[in-house]
Amino acid sequence: MTTLLLACMTLLAIHAGPAAAGGVQPVFDLRATRHTTLVELIPELLKSRIIIVGEQHADAGHHGAQLRVIQALHEAGARVAVGLEMFRKNSQDALDRWVSGDIRPQAFETIFHDNWGYPWSAYRPIFEYARAAKIPMIGLNVPREITRQVARGGFQSLTEDQRGQLADVACRIDEEYMRYIRGVYGAHAHGNMNFTFFCEAQMVWDNAMAVHALEFLATRPETTLVILTGVGHAQKGAVPRQIGLRSPLPVTVFLPEVSGSIDPQTVDRQDADFLLMGVQ
């Protein structure tokens, strides 16, 4: 039964979008400035401990590409786990129950919506594939009320109890990070909010994912963690930078092609390693 379900999920991944025809995901290598495919990159990807795959949350095509990355690594024999911006760390028990098959899809969908504000339907193929293949799924985020409060009143406004929920997550922003936030979010970076507080909220988010990812991998030396997160957190100036400040583990960054804003003409190897092409 599990084998049949996994086969169905594989077919779903292959036909998730036009870029996946024939099971081939086109990729643009930003380091070598050349076109290639996901299959051709697998030997190199197997050397990475952390692979970050960015998304625009509401774009189902981006989630299809993320699934193809997970599937390709799993089928190549990697011991894969999936790290999620979409789930808080304190929801880990629900994720474990999902992967083990101990929770019904309808009940889990309710938990998903408690953690994340975007449609379950866009993410469901990834979660179903992980469940069928018994791929661990790891919550990397912090409670949303914490980041909202930081955005409104700054990191210093958090109570002692709230800071206790952050464990080793710190909030030290510098000019380089503020330039990055301005570059990624532009005029939408903070609206009517204090820009420094907005940067601190983004830093807490980036820090939390980096810290929780490294905590998970510390006792799993054979695991490759594929982190799914928004493009603003996926780029090298965000979560990858925070990982690099804490660990020498190799990190690879994929971004989805978005014509005019994330394409070979607008980003380079300072932003990511690879672009997933034709995913919209």
Protein backbone atom coordinates (compact mmCIF):
# COMPACT_ATOMS: atom_id res chain seq x y z
CA MET A 1 0.00 0.00 0.00
CA THR A 2 2.79 2.41 0.92
CA THR A 3 4.68 1.49 -2.25
CA LEU A 4 1.60 2.19 -4.35
CA LEU A 5 1.01 5.54 -2.66
CA LEU A 6 4.66 6.52 -3.11
CA ALA A 7 4.42 5.65 -6.79
CA CYS A 8 1.35 7.86 -7.12
CA MET A 9 3.16 10.72 -5.40
CA THR A 10 6.10 10.25 -7.77
CA LEU A 11 3.81 10.56 -10.78
CA LEU A 12 2.26 13.66 -9.22
CA ALA A 13 5.70 15.21 -8.80
CA ILE A 14 6.67 14.42 -12.37
CA HIS A 15 3.53 16.02 -13.75
CA ALA A 16 3.37 18.93 -11.30
CA GLY A 17 4.04 21.50 -14.00
CA PRO A 18 5.37 22.14 -17.51
CA ALA A 19 8.96 22.35 -16.30
CA ALA A 20 8.77 18.77 -15.07
CA ALA A 21 7.95 17.11 -18.41
CA GLY A 22 9.75 13.80 -18.61
CA GLY A 23 10.83 14.14 -14.98
CA VAL A 24 13.45 16.75 -15.92
CA GLN A 25 13.60 20.01 -13.95
CA PRO A 26 15.50 22.73 -15.85
CA VAL A 27 18.02 24.58 -13.70
CA PHE A 28 20.21 27.60 -14.32
CA ASP A 29 23.59 27.36 -12.59
CA LEU A 30 24.40 30.88 -11.37
CA ARG A 31 27.97 29.96 -10.54
CA ALA A 32 28.87 28.61 -13.97
CA THR A 33 26.25 30.73 -15.82
CA ARG A 34 24.92 27.75 -17.73
CA HIS A 35 21.72 25.77 -18.14
CA THR A 36 21.56 22.27 -16.69
CA THR A 37 19.03 19.93 -15.09
CA LEU A 38 18.28 18.81 -11.57
CA VAL A 39 19.23 15.23 -12.44
CA GLU A 40 22.68 16.32 -13.59
CA LEU A 41 23.23 18.18 -10.32
CA ILE A 42 22.40 15.30 -8.00
CA PRO A 43 26.02 14.11 -7.45
CA GLU A 44 26.96 17.62 -6.35
CA LEU A 45 23.84 18.09 -4.23
CA LEU A 46 24.56 14.90 -2.34
CA LYS A 47 27.63 16.66 -0.90
CA SER A 48 25.47 19.35 0.75
CA ARG A 49 24.09 18.99 4.27
CA ILE A 50 21.59 21.83 3.85
CA ILE A 51 19.69 22.64 0.66
CA ILE A 52 17.44 25.70 0.85
CA VAL A 53 14.68 25.91 -1.76
CA GLY A 54 12.89 29.26 -1.91
CA GLU A 55 9.27 29.88 -2.79
CA GLN A 56 6.66 32.51 -3.26
CA HIS A 57 4.15 31.09 -0.82
CA ALA A 58 1.03 31.23 -2.98
CA ASP A 59 2.66 29.83 -6.14
CA ALA A 60 1.82 26.14 -6.62
CA GLY A 61 4.46 25.88 -9.35
CA HIS A 62 7.17 26.75 -6.83
CA HIS A 63 5.93 24.02 -4.51
CA GLY A 64 5.98 21.54 -7.39
CA ALA A 65 9.65 22.40 -7.97
CA GLN A 66 10.41 22.00 -4.26
CA LEU A 67 8.83 18.56 -4.37
CA ARG A 68 10.99 17.58 -7.34
CA VAL A 69 14.14 18.54 -5.42
CA ILE A 70 13.06 16.42 -2.44
CA GLN A 71 12.06 13.54 -4.68
CA ALA A 72 15.29 13.59 -6.69
CA LEU A 73 17.44 13.49 -3.55
CA HIS A 74 15.34 10.75 -1.96
CA GLU A 75 15.43 8.60 -5.07
CA ALA A 76 19.22 9.10 -5.32
CA GLY A 77 19.57 7.47 -1.91
CA ALA A 78 20.03 10.53 0.29
CA ARG A 79 18.72 10.39 3.84
CA VAL A 80 16.45 13.41 3.45
CA ALA A 81 14.56 15.50 5.99
CA VAL A 82 12.41 18.54 5.18
CA GLY A 83 12.72 21.72 7.24
CA LEU A 84 9.69 24.00 7.22
CA GLU A 85 9.33 27.74 7.67
CA MET A 86 5.60 26.97 7.68
CA PHE A 87 5.63 25.16 11.03
CA ARG A 88 6.64 26.29 14.48
CA LYS A 89 9.10 24.17 16.39
CA ASN A 90 6.48 23.61 19.09
CA SER A 91 4.28 21.85 16.51
CA GLN A 92 6.88 19.12 15.97
CA ASP A 93 4.73 16.42 17.55
CA ALA A 94 2.03 16.99 14.92
CA LEU A 95 4.60 16.72 12.12
CA ASP A 96 5.95 13.47 13.58
CA ARG A 97 2.43 12.06 13.79
CA TRP A 98 1.76 13.09 10.20
CA VAL A 99 4.84 11.34 8.84
CA SER A 100 4.17 8.21 10.91
CA GLY A 101 0.57 8.06 9.68
CA ASP A 102 -0.91 8.53 13.15
CA ILE A 103 -3.06 11.54 12.28
CA ARG A 104 -5.84 11.83 9.73
CA PRO A 105 -5.40 14.34 6.86
CA GLN A 106 -8.43 16.41 7.89
CA ALA A 107 -7.13 16.82 11.44
CA PHE A 108 -3.66 17.65 10.18
CA GLU A 109 -5.00 20.27 7.79
CA THR A 110 -6.44 22.11 10.78
CA ILE A 111 -3.00 22.08 12.43
CA PHE A 112 -1.42 23.29 9.19
CA HIS A 113 -3.75 26.31 9.12
CA ASP A 114 -2.95 27.06 12.76
CA ASN A 115 0.71 27.31 11.73
CA TRP A 116 0.46 28.90 8.30
CA GLY A 117 -1.82 31.29 6.46
CA TYR A 118 -1.47 29.99 2.90
CA PRO A 119 -3.59 27.28 1.20
CA TRP A 120 -3.01 23.69 2.26
CA SER A 121 -3.73 22.59 -1.31
CA ALA A 122 -0.51 24.24 -2.55
CA TYR A 123 1.62 22.34 -0.02
CA ARG A 124 -0.32 19.08 0.20
CA PRO A 125 1.68 17.14 -2.47
CA ILE A 126 4.91 17.78 -0.54
CA PHE A 127 3.41 16.65 2.74
CA GLU A 128 1.81 13.58 1.17
CA TYR A 129 5.07 12.57 -0.50
CA ALA A 130 6.96 12.93 2.79
CA ARG A 131 4.31 10.86 4.57
CA ALA A 132 4.42 8.10 1.96
CA ALA A 133 8.23 8.00 1.90
CA LYS A 134 8.58 8.41 5.69
CA ILE A 135 10.71 11.53 5.23
CA PRO A 136 11.00 13.49 8.52
CA MET A 137 9.49 16.98 8.49
CA ILE A 138 10.91 19.54 10.91
CA GLY A 139 9.30 22.72 12.21
CA LEU A 140 11.85 25.55 12.16
CA ASN A 141 9.87 28.63 13.07
CA VAL A 142 8.97 30.51 16.25
CA PRO A 143 5.47 31.54 17.42
CA ARG A 144 4.12 34.20 15.09
CA GLU A 145 3.11 36.46 17.98
CA ILE A 146 6.80 36.84 18.82
CA THR A 147 7.85 38.05 15.38
CA ARG A 148 4.77 40.32 15.21
CA GLN A 149 5.69 41.89 18.53
CA VAL A 150 9.30 42.38 17.45
CA ALA A 151 8.07 44.08 14.28
CA ARG A 152 5.91 46.44 16.36
CA GLY A 153 8.13 47.13 19.36
CA GLY A 154 11.57 45.71 18.63
CA PHE A 155 13.40 42.76 20.11
CA GLN A 156 13.79 44.58 23.42
CA SER A 157 10.00 44.56 23.86
CA LEU A 158 9.89 40.78 24.36
CA THR A 159 9.20 39.51 27.85
CA GLU A 160 11.57 37.18 29.65
CA ASP A 161 9.15 34.31 28.99
CA GLN A 162 9.03 35.12 25.27
CA ARG A 163 12.81 35.25 25.06
CA GLY A 164 12.89 31.89 26.80
CA GLN A 165 10.92 30.45 23.88
CA LEU A 166 13.69 31.57 21.52
CA ALA A 167 16.47 29.53 23.20
CA ASP A 168 19.70 30.40 21.34
CA VAL A 169 18.03 32.71 18.83
CA ALA A 170 19.66 36.14 18.97
CA CYS A 171 18.87 39.42 17.25
CA ARG A 172 21.97 41.29 16.16
CA ILE A 173 21.41 43.25 12.98
CA ASP A 174 24.15 45.08 11.13
CA GLU A 175 24.25 47.46 8.18
CA GLU A 176 24.88 44.60 5.75
CA TYR A 177 21.69 42.88 6.83
CA MET A 178 19.70 46.12 6.68
CA ARG A 179 20.94 46.69 3.12
CA TYR A 180 19.87 43.15 2.28
CA ILE A 181 16.37 43.72 3.67
CA ARG A 182 16.03 46.98 1.73
CA GLY A 183 17.17 45.24 -1.45
CA VAL A 184 14.80 42.28 -1.10
CA TYR A 185 11.69 43.99 0.25
CA GLY A 186 12.18 47.49 -1.13
CA ALA A 187 9.43 49.97 -0.30
CA HIS A 188 7.33 47.14 1.14
CA ALA A 189 9.93 46.37 3.79
CA HIS A 190 8.07 47.90 6.68
CA GLY A 191 5.11 50.03 5.62
CA ASN A 192 4.33 52.24 8.60
CA MET A 193 6.52 50.22 10.97
CA ASN A 194 9.90 51.20 12.33
CA PHE A 195 12.42 49.87 9.79
CA THR A 196 14.87 48.71 12.46
CA PHE A 197 12.10 46.75 14.18
CA PHE A 198 11.12 45.20 10.85
CA CYS A 199 14.74 44.12 10.31
CA GLU A 200 14.83 42.65 13.82
CA ALA A 201 11.67 40.64 13.12
CA GLN A 202 13.20 39.27 9.92
CA MET A 203 16.43 38.51 11.78
CA VAL A 204 14.57 36.56 14.48
CA TRP A 205 12.90 34.54 11.72
CA ASP A 206 16.22 33.88 9.90
CA ASN A 207 18.06 33.13 13.13
CA ALA A 208 15.40 30.73 14.35
CA MET A 209 15.45 28.68 11.18
CA ALA A 210 19.26 28.54 11.18
CA VAL A 211 19.50 27.58 14.86
CA HIS A 212 16.76 24.96 14.70
CA ALA A 213 18.13 23.46 11.48
CA LEU A 214 21.60 23.07 12.98
CA GLU A 215 20.17 21.63 16.20
CA PHE A 216 18.39 18.96 14.16
CA LEU A 217 21.47 18.09 12.10
CA ALA A 218 23.85 18.00 15.08
CA THR A 219 22.85 14.43 15.94
CA ARG A 220 22.16 13.28 12.36
CA PRO A 221 25.47 13.39 10.47
CA GLU A 222 24.12 11.42 7.50
CA THR A 223 21.03 13.56 6.88
CA THR A 224 20.51 16.16 4.16
CA LEU A 225 18.05 18.82 5.30
CA VAL A 226 15.96 20.46 2.56
CA ILE A 227 14.60 23.75 3.93
CA LEU A 228 11.46 25.19 2.34
CA THR A 229 11.07 28.93 2.93
CA GLY A 230 10.12 32.18 1.26
CA VAL A 231 12.56 33.66 -1.22
CA GLY A 232 13.39 36.54 1.14
CA HIS A 233 14.65 34.09 3.76
CA ALA A 234 16.22 31.67 1.26
CA GLN A 235 18.66 34.10 -0.36
CA LYS A 236 22.26 33.95 0.81
CA GLY A 237 22.02 37.17 2.81
CA ALA A 238 19.36 35.68 5.09
CA VAL A 239 19.14 32.11 6.50
CA PRO A 240 22.28 30.87 4.69
CA ARG A 241 24.30 33.73 6.20
CA GLN A 242 23.05 32.89 9.69
CA ILE A 243 23.94 29.23 9.19
CA GLY A 244 27.40 30.20 7.95
CA LEU A 245 28.04 32.31 11.05
CA ARG A 246 27.42 29.22 13.20
CA SER A 247 28.62 26.24 11.22
CA PRO A 248 30.91 25.16 8.35
CA LEU A 249 28.25 22.80 6.96
CA PRO A 250 27.90 23.21 3.19
CA VAL A 251 24.71 25.01 2.12
CA THR A 252 23.18 25.09 -1.37
CA VAL A 253 20.52 27.63 -2.34
CA PHE A 254 17.83 27.24 -5.01
CA LEU A 255 15.47 30.05 -5.95
CA PRO A 256 12.47 29.74 -8.28
CA GLU A 257 12.61 31.68 -11.50
CA VAL A 258 10.32 34.72 -11.38
CA SER A 259 10.57 36.67 -14.62
CA GLY A 260 11.83 40.20 -14.08
CA SER A 261 12.76 39.78 -10.43
CA ILE A 262 14.45 36.38 -9.98
CA ASP A 263 16.06 35.33 -13.23
CA PRO A 264 19.57 35.08 -14.73
CA GLN A 265 19.51 38.82 -15.51
CA THR A 266 18.51 40.03 -12.04
CA VAL A 267 20.27 37.70 -9.54
CA ASP A 268 23.72 36.16 -9.35
CA ARG A 269 25.81 33.78 -7.24
CA GLN A 270 25.78 36.28 -4.38
CA ASP A 271 22.05 35.58 -4.08
CA ALA A 272 21.79 31.85 -4.81
CA ASP A 273 23.55 28.91 -6.42
CA PHE A 274 20.81 27.74 -8.78
CA LEU A 275 17.52 28.87 -10.29
CA LEU A 276 14.65 26.43 -10.83
CA MET A 277 13.47 27.43 -14.30
CA GLY A 278 10.00 27.42 -15.83
CA VAL A 279 8.15 26.87 -12.57
CA GLN A 280 5.39 29.49 -12.91
